[in-house]
Amino acid sequence: MNRRDILKYTALATGAAVSAPLASMILSGCQAEEVDNYVPQFFTAEEFVVAKSMMNTILPKTDSPAATEVGVHRLMDKFVNEIFDTEKQVAYKEAFLALVMHLAENAGKSFEKLRPTQQLSALQTLEQSSDKALAELKSTLVDFKQQTIAFYLTTEEIGKNYLNY
């Protein structure tokens, strides 16, 4: 099974769960911004760097662009800031920070400072863990991964150039 097939099947599985809130984002435009000076609205600058590193580990550049090359990091930041209510934003931020802290503690340094192979290993280790104490962190990672893939698949470049519509 190739990456394109995996992305298609994952999109089908997660589409129903995220389609309603994504509709407003899609209607407001999914084209990646050309400039690289985006100021995060929800994440702090430091959190945004970690989120971008995680997204590019989940969807690295292969025969298709990496997640951040099509603006997934911007879309997710805007989505959480504009669509989630305050309570959900607080819960999302707490879960994200707990995940980032766990990854840093296990690796001995911040996630974005790890080599790409170490980043991938850190995410895979958590996702494959059967430790009940890590269940909430694992769930946060899976949610983040699903959101990254969903936003990736809704970008204009991926839709036009890599998916069969």
N, C-alpha and C. Protein backbone atom coordinates (compact mmCIF):
# COMPACT_ATOMS: atom_id res chain seq x y z
N MET A 1 0.85 -1.17 0.00
CA MET A 1 0.00 0.00 0.00
C MET A 1 0.90 1.23 0.00
N ASN A 2 0.62 2.19 -0.87
CA ASN A 2 1.46 3.37 -0.93
C ASN A 2 0.86 4.50 -0.10
N ARG A 3 1.61 5.56 0.00
CA ARG A 3 1.22 6.68 0.84
C ARG A 3 -0.10 7.30 0.38
N ARG A 4 -0.29 7.40 -0.91
CA ARG A 4 -1.52 8.00 -1.44
C ARG A 4 -2.74 7.19 -1.00
N ASP A 5 -2.66 5.86 -1.06
CA ASP A 5 -3.78 5.01 -0.63
C ASP A 5 -4.05 5.17 0.86
N ILE A 6 -2.99 5.23 1.65
CA ILE A 6 -3.14 5.40 3.09
C ILE A 6 -3.83 6.73 3.38
N LEU A 7 -3.42 7.78 2.69
CA LEU A 7 -4.04 9.09 2.90
C LEU A 7 -5.52 9.06 2.51
N LYS A 8 -5.85 8.39 1.42
CA LYS A 8 -7.25 8.32 0.99
C LYS A 8 -8.10 7.58 2.01
N TYR A 9 -7.62 6.45 2.49
CA TYR A 9 -8.39 5.67 3.46
C TYR A 9 -8.52 6.41 4.79
N THR A 10 -7.46 7.07 5.19
CA THR A 10 -7.51 7.83 6.43
C THR A 10 -8.51 8.98 6.30
N ALA A 11 -8.53 9.59 5.14
CA ALA A 11 -9.48 10.69 4.91
C ALA A 11 -10.91 10.21 5.04
N LEU A 12 -11.19 9.05 4.50
CA LEU A 12 -12.54 8.50 4.61
C LEU A 12 -12.91 8.23 6.05
N ALA A 13 -11.95 7.70 6.81
CA ALA A 13 -12.22 7.34 8.20
C ALA A 13 -12.42 8.56 9.09
N THR A 14 -11.68 9.62 8.81
CA THR A 14 -11.77 10.79 9.68
C THR A 14 -12.67 11.88 9.13
N GLY A 15 -13.08 11.76 7.90
CA GLY A 15 -13.85 12.81 7.25
C GLY A 15 -15.13 13.19 7.96
N ALA A 16 -15.88 12.21 8.39
CA ALA A 16 -17.16 12.49 9.04
C ALA A 16 -16.97 13.25 10.35
N ALA A 17 -15.92 12.91 11.08
CA ALA A 17 -15.71 13.52 12.39
C ALA A 17 -15.31 14.99 12.30
N VAL A 18 -14.64 15.36 11.23
CA VAL A 18 -14.14 16.73 11.16
C VAL A 18 -14.77 17.55 10.04
N SER A 19 -15.69 16.98 9.30
CA SER A 19 -16.19 17.67 8.11
C SER A 19 -17.00 18.93 8.42
N ALA A 20 -17.83 18.92 9.42
CA ALA A 20 -18.67 20.09 9.70
C ALA A 20 -17.83 21.31 10.07
N PRO A 21 -16.94 21.21 11.06
CA PRO A 21 -16.14 22.40 11.39
C PRO A 21 -15.20 22.80 10.26
N LEU A 22 -14.72 21.83 9.51
CA LEU A 22 -13.80 22.14 8.42
C LEU A 22 -14.49 22.89 7.29
N ALA A 23 -15.79 22.71 7.16
CA ALA A 23 -16.51 23.34 6.06
C ALA A 23 -16.31 24.85 6.05
N SER A 24 -16.36 25.46 7.21
CA SER A 24 -16.18 26.91 7.25
C SER A 24 -14.76 27.31 6.88
N MET A 25 -13.80 26.46 7.26
CA MET A 25 -12.41 26.75 6.89
C MET A 25 -12.21 26.58 5.39
N ILE A 26 -12.83 25.57 4.82
CA ILE A 26 -12.71 25.32 3.39
C ILE A 26 -13.33 26.48 2.61
N LEU A 27 -14.50 26.90 3.05
CA LEU A 27 -15.18 27.98 2.37
C LEU A 27 -14.41 29.30 2.46
N SER A 28 -13.64 29.46 3.53
CA SER A 28 -12.87 30.70 3.68
C SER A 28 -11.54 30.64 2.95
N GLY A 29 -11.22 29.49 2.36
CA GLY A 29 -10.00 29.39 1.55
C GLY A 29 -8.97 28.48 2.17
N CYS A 30 -8.52 27.53 1.40
CA CYS A 30 -7.53 26.58 1.89
C CYS A 30 -6.20 26.71 1.17
N GLN A 31 -6.05 27.73 0.37
CA GLN A 31 -4.80 27.90 -0.33
C GLN A 31 -3.74 28.32 0.67
N ALA A 32 -2.56 27.68 0.59
CA ALA A 32 -1.48 28.00 1.51
C ALA A 32 -1.02 29.44 1.28
N GLU A 33 -0.72 30.13 2.35
CA GLU A 33 -0.24 31.49 2.23
C GLU A 33 1.19 31.47 1.70
N GLU A 34 1.49 32.41 0.84
CA GLU A 34 2.80 32.45 0.20
C GLU A 34 3.89 32.94 1.13
N VAL A 35 3.55 33.83 2.04
CA VAL A 35 4.56 34.40 2.91
C VAL A 35 4.83 33.49 4.09
N ASP A 36 6.05 33.58 4.60
CA ASP A 36 6.46 32.70 5.68
C ASP A 36 6.43 33.42 7.03
N ASN A 37 5.85 34.59 7.09
CA ASN A 37 5.86 35.36 8.33
C ASN A 37 4.52 35.29 9.06
N TYR A 38 3.90 34.14 9.02
CA TYR A 38 2.63 33.93 9.70
C TYR A 38 2.82 34.05 11.20
N VAL A 39 1.92 34.78 11.85
CA VAL A 39 1.94 34.93 13.30
C VAL A 39 0.84 34.04 13.86
N PRO A 40 1.21 33.05 14.68
CA PRO A 40 0.20 32.14 15.23
C PRO A 40 -0.86 32.88 16.04
N GLN A 41 -2.09 32.41 15.90
CA GLN A 41 -3.21 33.01 16.62
C GLN A 41 -3.54 32.23 17.88
N PHE A 42 -3.37 30.92 17.85
CA PHE A 42 -3.71 30.09 19.00
C PHE A 42 -2.45 29.64 19.74
N PHE A 43 -1.52 29.06 19.01
CA PHE A 43 -0.28 28.59 19.62
C PHE A 43 0.65 29.76 19.91
N THR A 44 1.52 29.59 20.91
CA THR A 44 2.61 30.55 21.09
C THR A 44 3.63 30.25 19.99
N ALA A 45 4.58 31.14 19.81
CA ALA A 45 5.60 30.95 18.77
C ALA A 45 6.36 29.64 19.00
N GLU A 46 6.70 29.33 20.24
CA GLU A 46 7.45 28.11 20.56
C GLU A 46 6.60 26.87 20.30
N GLU A 47 5.34 26.91 20.72
CA GLU A 47 4.44 25.78 20.49
C GLU A 47 4.22 25.56 19.00
N PHE A 48 4.17 26.65 18.26
CA PHE A 48 3.94 26.58 16.82
C PHE A 48 5.10 25.87 16.12
N VAL A 49 6.31 26.13 16.57
CA VAL A 49 7.50 25.47 16.00
C VAL A 49 7.42 23.96 16.26
N VAL A 50 7.03 23.58 17.46
CA VAL A 50 6.90 22.15 17.79
C VAL A 50 5.78 21.52 16.96
N ALA A 51 4.65 22.21 16.86
CA ALA A 51 3.53 21.68 16.07
C ALA A 51 3.95 21.47 14.61
N LYS A 52 4.68 22.42 14.05
CA LYS A 52 5.15 22.29 12.67
C LYS A 52 6.08 21.09 12.53
N SER A 53 6.97 20.88 13.48
CA SER A 53 7.88 19.73 13.44
C SER A 53 7.11 18.42 13.51
N MET A 54 6.10 18.39 14.37
CA MET A 54 5.28 17.18 14.49
C MET A 54 4.53 16.91 13.18
N MET A 55 3.98 17.96 12.59
CA MET A 55 3.23 17.80 11.33
C MET A 55 4.13 17.28 10.21
N ASN A 56 5.35 17.80 10.14
CA ASN A 56 6.26 17.36 9.10
C ASN A 56 6.81 15.97 9.37
N THR A 57 6.76 15.53 10.60
CA THR A 57 7.13 14.15 10.91
C THR A 57 5.99 13.22 10.50
N ILE A 58 4.76 13.65 10.73
CA ILE A 58 3.59 12.87 10.36
C ILE A 58 3.46 12.79 8.84
N LEU A 59 3.64 13.92 8.17
CA LEU A 59 3.54 13.98 6.70
C LEU A 59 4.77 14.68 6.14
N PRO A 60 5.89 13.94 6.02
CA PRO A 60 7.11 14.53 5.48
C PRO A 60 7.04 14.67 3.96
N LYS A 61 7.97 15.41 3.42
CA LYS A 61 8.05 15.56 1.97
C LYS A 61 8.48 14.22 1.36
N THR A 62 7.69 13.76 0.41
CA THR A 62 8.03 12.56 -0.37
C THR A 62 7.76 12.93 -1.82
N ASP A 63 6.97 12.12 -2.50
CA ASP A 63 6.56 12.50 -3.85
C ASP A 63 5.47 13.58 -3.79
N SER A 64 4.98 13.85 -2.61
CA SER A 64 4.03 14.94 -2.37
C SER A 64 4.65 15.89 -1.34
N PRO A 65 4.14 17.11 -1.25
CA PRO A 65 4.73 18.09 -0.32
C PRO A 65 4.55 17.70 1.15
N ALA A 66 5.42 18.23 1.98
CA ALA A 66 5.29 18.05 3.43
C ALA A 66 4.08 18.85 3.92
N ALA A 67 3.62 18.52 5.10
CA ALA A 67 2.44 19.18 5.67
C ALA A 67 2.58 20.70 5.71
N THR A 68 3.71 21.19 6.17
CA THR A 68 3.86 22.64 6.30
C THR A 68 4.08 23.33 4.95
N GLU A 69 4.49 22.59 3.94
CA GLU A 69 4.67 23.18 2.62
C GLU A 69 3.33 23.59 2.00
N VAL A 70 2.25 22.99 2.45
CA VAL A 70 0.92 23.35 1.94
C VAL A 70 0.10 24.13 2.97
N GLY A 71 0.73 24.53 4.06
CA GLY A 71 0.09 25.42 5.03
C GLY A 71 -0.76 24.75 6.08
N VAL A 72 -0.55 23.47 6.34
CA VAL A 72 -1.36 22.77 7.34
C VAL A 72 -1.20 23.42 8.72
N HIS A 73 -0.02 23.85 9.05
CA HIS A 73 0.23 24.47 10.36
C HIS A 73 -0.61 25.73 10.54
N ARG A 74 -0.73 26.51 9.48
CA ARG A 74 -1.54 27.74 9.55
C ARG A 74 -3.02 27.40 9.67
N LEU A 75 -3.46 26.44 8.87
CA LEU A 75 -4.87 26.05 8.90
C LEU A 75 -5.27 25.53 10.27
N MET A 76 -4.43 24.68 10.86
CA MET A 76 -4.78 24.12 12.18
C MET A 76 -4.79 25.21 13.24
N ASP A 77 -3.83 26.10 13.19
CA ASP A 77 -3.79 27.19 14.17
C ASP A 77 -5.04 28.06 14.05
N LYS A 78 -5.42 28.43 12.85
CA LYS A 78 -6.62 29.24 12.64
C LYS A 78 -7.88 28.48 13.05
N PHE A 79 -7.93 27.21 12.71
CA PHE A 79 -9.09 26.39 13.03
C PHE A 79 -9.34 26.36 14.53
N VAL A 80 -8.31 26.00 15.29
CA VAL A 80 -8.47 25.91 16.75
C VAL A 80 -8.83 27.27 17.33
N ASN A 81 -8.22 28.32 16.82
CA ASN A 81 -8.48 29.66 17.32
C ASN A 81 -9.89 30.15 16.99
N GLU A 82 -10.37 29.87 15.78
CA GLU A 82 -11.64 30.43 15.32
C GLU A 82 -12.85 29.53 15.54
N ILE A 83 -12.65 28.23 15.56
CA ILE A 83 -13.78 27.29 15.62
C ILE A 83 -14.02 26.76 17.03
N PHE A 84 -12.98 26.43 17.75
CA PHE A 84 -13.14 25.88 19.10
C PHE A 84 -13.63 26.98 20.05
N ASP A 85 -14.54 26.60 20.96
CA ASP A 85 -14.92 27.54 22.01
C ASP A 85 -13.80 27.58 23.05
N THR A 86 -13.90 28.50 23.97
CA THR A 86 -12.83 28.71 24.95
C THR A 86 -12.52 27.46 25.75
N GLU A 87 -13.54 26.75 26.16
CA GLU A 87 -13.35 25.53 26.96
C GLU A 87 -12.57 24.47 26.16
N LYS A 88 -12.94 24.30 24.92
CA LYS A 88 -12.27 23.32 24.07
C LYS A 88 -10.84 23.76 23.75
N GLN A 89 -10.62 25.07 23.60
CA GLN A 89 -9.27 25.58 23.36
C GLN A 89 -8.36 25.27 24.55
N VAL A 90 -8.88 25.49 25.74
CA VAL A 90 -8.10 25.23 26.95
C VAL A 90 -7.75 23.75 27.04
N ALA A 91 -8.72 22.89 26.81
CA ALA A 91 -8.48 21.45 26.86
C ALA A 91 -7.48 21.03 25.79
N TYR A 92 -7.62 21.58 24.58
CA TYR A 92 -6.72 21.25 23.48
C TYR A 92 -5.29 21.68 23.82
N LYS A 93 -5.15 22.88 24.35
CA LYS A 93 -3.82 23.40 24.69
C LYS A 93 -3.17 22.56 25.79
N GLU A 94 -3.95 22.22 26.82
CA GLU A 94 -3.41 21.40 27.91
C GLU A 94 -2.94 20.04 27.40
N ALA A 95 -3.75 19.41 26.57
CA ALA A 95 -3.40 18.11 26.02
C ALA A 95 -2.16 18.21 25.13
N PHE A 96 -2.11 19.24 24.30
CA PHE A 96 -0.96 19.44 23.40
C PHE A 96 0.32 19.65 24.22
N LEU A 97 0.24 20.51 25.24
CA LEU A 97 1.43 20.78 26.06
C LEU A 97 1.88 19.54 26.82
N ALA A 98 0.94 18.74 27.30
CA ALA A 98 1.30 17.49 27.97
C ALA A 98 2.01 16.55 27.00
N LEU A 99 1.53 16.49 25.78
CA LEU A 99 2.17 15.66 24.76
C LEU A 99 3.59 16.16 24.46
N VAL A 100 3.74 17.46 24.28
CA VAL A 100 5.05 18.05 23.99
C VAL A 100 6.01 17.79 25.15
N MET A 101 5.53 17.95 26.38
CA MET A 101 6.37 17.72 27.55
C MET A 101 6.80 16.26 27.62
N HIS A 102 5.88 15.35 27.37
CA HIS A 102 6.21 13.93 27.41
C HIS A 102 7.28 13.60 26.36
N LEU A 103 7.09 14.09 25.16
CA LEU A 103 8.06 13.81 24.10
C LEU A 103 9.44 14.37 24.44
N ALA A 104 9.49 15.56 25.01
CA ALA A 104 10.76 16.18 25.39
C ALA A 104 11.43 15.42 26.53
N GLU A 105 10.63 15.01 27.52
CA GLU A 105 11.20 14.27 28.66
C GLU A 105 11.80 12.94 28.21
N ASN A 106 11.11 12.25 27.32
CA ASN A 106 11.61 10.95 26.87
C ASN A 106 12.82 11.07 25.96
N ALA A 107 12.93 12.15 25.21
CA ALA A 107 14.03 12.32 24.28
C ALA A 107 15.20 13.07 24.90
N GLY A 108 14.96 13.75 26.00
CA GLY A 108 16.03 14.51 26.64
C GLY A 108 16.19 15.91 26.09
N LYS A 109 15.42 16.26 25.06
CA LYS A 109 15.43 17.62 24.52
C LYS A 109 14.15 17.86 23.76
N SER A 110 13.92 19.10 23.42
CA SER A 110 12.68 19.49 22.76
C SER A 110 12.51 18.76 21.43
N PHE A 111 11.27 18.43 21.10
CA PHE A 111 10.96 17.63 19.92
C PHE A 111 11.55 18.21 18.64
N GLU A 112 11.44 19.51 18.45
CA GLU A 112 11.90 20.11 17.20
C GLU A 112 13.42 20.10 17.05
N LYS A 113 14.13 19.83 18.14
CA LYS A 113 15.59 19.78 18.09
C LYS A 113 16.12 18.37 17.82
N LEU A 114 15.22 17.40 17.77
CA LEU A 114 15.62 16.03 17.47
C LEU A 114 15.86 15.86 15.98
N ARG A 115 16.67 14.88 15.63
CA ARG A 115 16.85 14.53 14.21
C ARG A 115 15.53 13.93 13.71
N PRO A 116 15.26 14.02 12.42
CA PRO A 116 14.00 13.47 11.89
C PRO A 116 13.74 12.01 12.26
N THR A 117 14.78 11.19 12.27
CA THR A 117 14.58 9.78 12.63
C THR A 117 14.20 9.65 14.10
N GLN A 118 14.76 10.52 14.96
CA GLN A 118 14.41 10.50 16.37
C GLN A 118 12.98 10.99 16.59
N GLN A 119 12.57 12.00 15.81
CA GLN A 119 11.21 12.51 15.91
C GLN A 119 10.22 11.41 15.55
N LEU A 120 10.47 10.74 14.44
CA LEU A 120 9.59 9.66 14.01
C LEU A 120 9.53 8.55 15.05
N SER A 121 10.67 8.19 15.58
CA SER A 121 10.73 7.14 16.59
C SER A 121 9.95 7.53 17.85
N ALA A 122 10.07 8.79 18.26
CA ALA A 122 9.36 9.25 19.46
C ALA A 122 7.85 9.16 19.27
N LEU A 123 7.36 9.57 18.10
CA LEU A 123 5.92 9.51 17.84
C LEU A 123 5.45 8.06 17.71
N GLN A 124 6.23 7.23 17.03
CA GLN A 124 5.84 5.83 16.86
C GLN A 124 5.84 5.09 18.19
N THR A 125 6.81 5.37 19.03
CA THR A 125 6.89 4.71 20.34
C THR A 125 5.66 5.01 21.17
N LEU A 126 5.25 6.27 21.19
CA LEU A 126 4.06 6.64 21.95
C LEU A 126 2.82 6.02 21.33
N GLU A 127 2.69 6.09 20.03
CA GLU A 127 1.48 5.59 19.37
C GLU A 127 1.34 4.07 19.53
N GLN A 128 2.44 3.37 19.60
CA GLN A 128 2.40 1.91 19.72
C GLN A 128 2.41 1.43 21.16
N SER A 129 2.51 2.35 22.10
CA SER A 129 2.56 2.00 23.51
C SER A 129 1.24 1.40 23.98
N SER A 130 1.35 0.38 24.82
CA SER A 130 0.16 -0.22 25.41
C SER A 130 0.05 0.14 26.89
N ASP A 131 0.92 1.03 27.36
CA ASP A 131 0.91 1.49 28.74
C ASP A 131 -0.34 2.32 29.00
N LYS A 132 -1.15 1.87 29.93
CA LYS A 132 -2.41 2.55 30.25
C LYS A 132 -2.18 3.97 30.78
N ALA A 133 -1.03 4.21 31.41
CA ALA A 133 -0.71 5.54 31.93
C ALA A 133 -0.50 6.55 30.80
N LEU A 134 -0.20 6.05 29.62
CA LEU A 134 0.04 6.93 28.47
C LEU A 134 -1.16 7.03 27.53
N ALA A 135 -2.28 6.45 27.92
CA ALA A 135 -3.46 6.40 27.04
C ALA A 135 -3.93 7.79 26.62
N GLU A 136 -3.95 8.73 27.54
CA GLU A 136 -4.43 10.07 27.20
C GLU A 136 -3.46 10.77 26.24
N LEU A 137 -2.16 10.62 26.48
CA LEU A 137 -1.17 11.20 25.58
C LEU A 137 -1.24 10.56 24.20
N LYS A 138 -1.43 9.27 24.18
CA LYS A 138 -1.57 8.54 22.92
C LYS A 138 -2.80 9.05 22.15
N SER A 139 -3.88 9.25 22.86
CA SER A 139 -5.10 9.77 22.24
C SER A 139 -4.88 11.17 21.67
N THR A 140 -4.16 12.00 22.40
CA THR A 140 -3.84 13.35 21.92
C THR A 140 -3.02 13.29 20.65
N LEU A 141 -2.04 12.40 20.62
CA LEU A 141 -1.21 12.24 19.43
C LEU A 141 -2.05 11.77 18.24
N VAL A 142 -2.90 10.79 18.46
CA VAL A 142 -3.75 10.28 17.37
C VAL A 142 -4.68 11.38 16.86
N ASP A 143 -5.25 12.17 17.76
CA ASP A 143 -6.11 13.28 17.34
C ASP A 143 -5.32 14.30 16.52
N PHE A 144 -4.13 14.64 16.99
CA PHE A 144 -3.29 15.60 16.28
C PHE A 144 -2.93 15.07 14.89
N LYS A 145 -2.63 13.81 14.84
CA LYS A 145 -2.29 13.16 13.57
C LYS A 145 -3.48 13.19 12.61
N GLN A 146 -4.65 12.85 13.10
CA GLN A 146 -5.85 12.86 12.26
C GLN A 146 -6.16 14.27 11.76
N GLN A 147 -6.01 15.25 12.62
CA GLN A 147 -6.25 16.63 12.21
C GLN A 147 -5.25 17.06 11.14
N THR A 148 -4.00 16.70 11.33
CA THR A 148 -2.96 17.03 10.36
C THR A 148 -3.30 16.44 9.00
N ILE A 149 -3.68 15.18 8.98
CA ILE A 149 -4.02 14.51 7.72
C ILE A 149 -5.28 15.13 7.09
N ALA A 150 -6.27 15.41 7.91
CA ALA A 150 -7.51 16.00 7.39
C ALA A 150 -7.24 17.37 6.76
N PHE A 151 -6.48 18.21 7.45
CA PHE A 151 -6.16 19.52 6.89
C PHE A 151 -5.31 19.39 5.63
N TYR A 152 -4.40 18.45 5.64
CA TYR A 152 -3.54 18.21 4.47
C TYR A 152 -4.39 17.87 3.25
N LEU A 153 -5.35 16.99 3.45
CA LEU A 153 -6.18 16.54 2.33
C LEU A 153 -7.14 17.62 1.84
N THR A 154 -7.41 18.64 2.65
CA THR A 154 -8.33 19.69 2.24
C THR A 154 -7.63 20.90 1.63
N THR A 155 -6.31 20.86 1.55
CA THR A 155 -5.61 21.98 0.93
C THR A 155 -5.82 21.94 -0.58
N GLU A 156 -5.79 23.09 -1.18
CA GLU A 156 -6.02 23.20 -2.62
C GLU A 156 -4.97 22.43 -3.42
N GLU A 157 -3.70 22.57 -3.05
CA GLU A 157 -2.64 21.90 -3.81
C GLU A 157 -2.79 20.38 -3.79
N ILE A 158 -3.06 19.82 -2.64
CA ILE A 158 -3.20 18.36 -2.54
C ILE A 158 -4.46 17.92 -3.28
N GLY A 159 -5.55 18.63 -3.10
CA GLY A 159 -6.79 18.29 -3.77
C GLY A 159 -6.66 18.30 -5.28
N LYS A 160 -6.03 19.33 -5.81
CA LYS A 160 -5.91 19.48 -7.26
C LYS A 160 -4.84 18.58 -7.88
N ASN A 161 -3.72 18.44 -7.18
CA ASN A 161 -2.56 17.79 -7.80
C ASN A 161 -2.29 16.36 -7.36
N TYR A 162 -2.88 15.91 -6.26
CA TYR A 162 -2.52 14.59 -5.75
C TYR A 162 -3.71 13.67 -5.50
N LEU A 163 -4.91 14.20 -5.43
CA LEU A 163 -6.09 13.37 -5.21
C LEU A 163 -6.94 13.37 -6.47
N ASN A 164 -7.66 12.32 -6.68
CA ASN A 164 -8.54 12.23 -7.85
C ASN A 164 -9.93 12.71 -7.48
N TYR A 165 -10.25 13.94 -7.86
CA TYR A 165 -11.57 14.48 -7.62
C TYR A 165 -12.27 14.59 -8.94
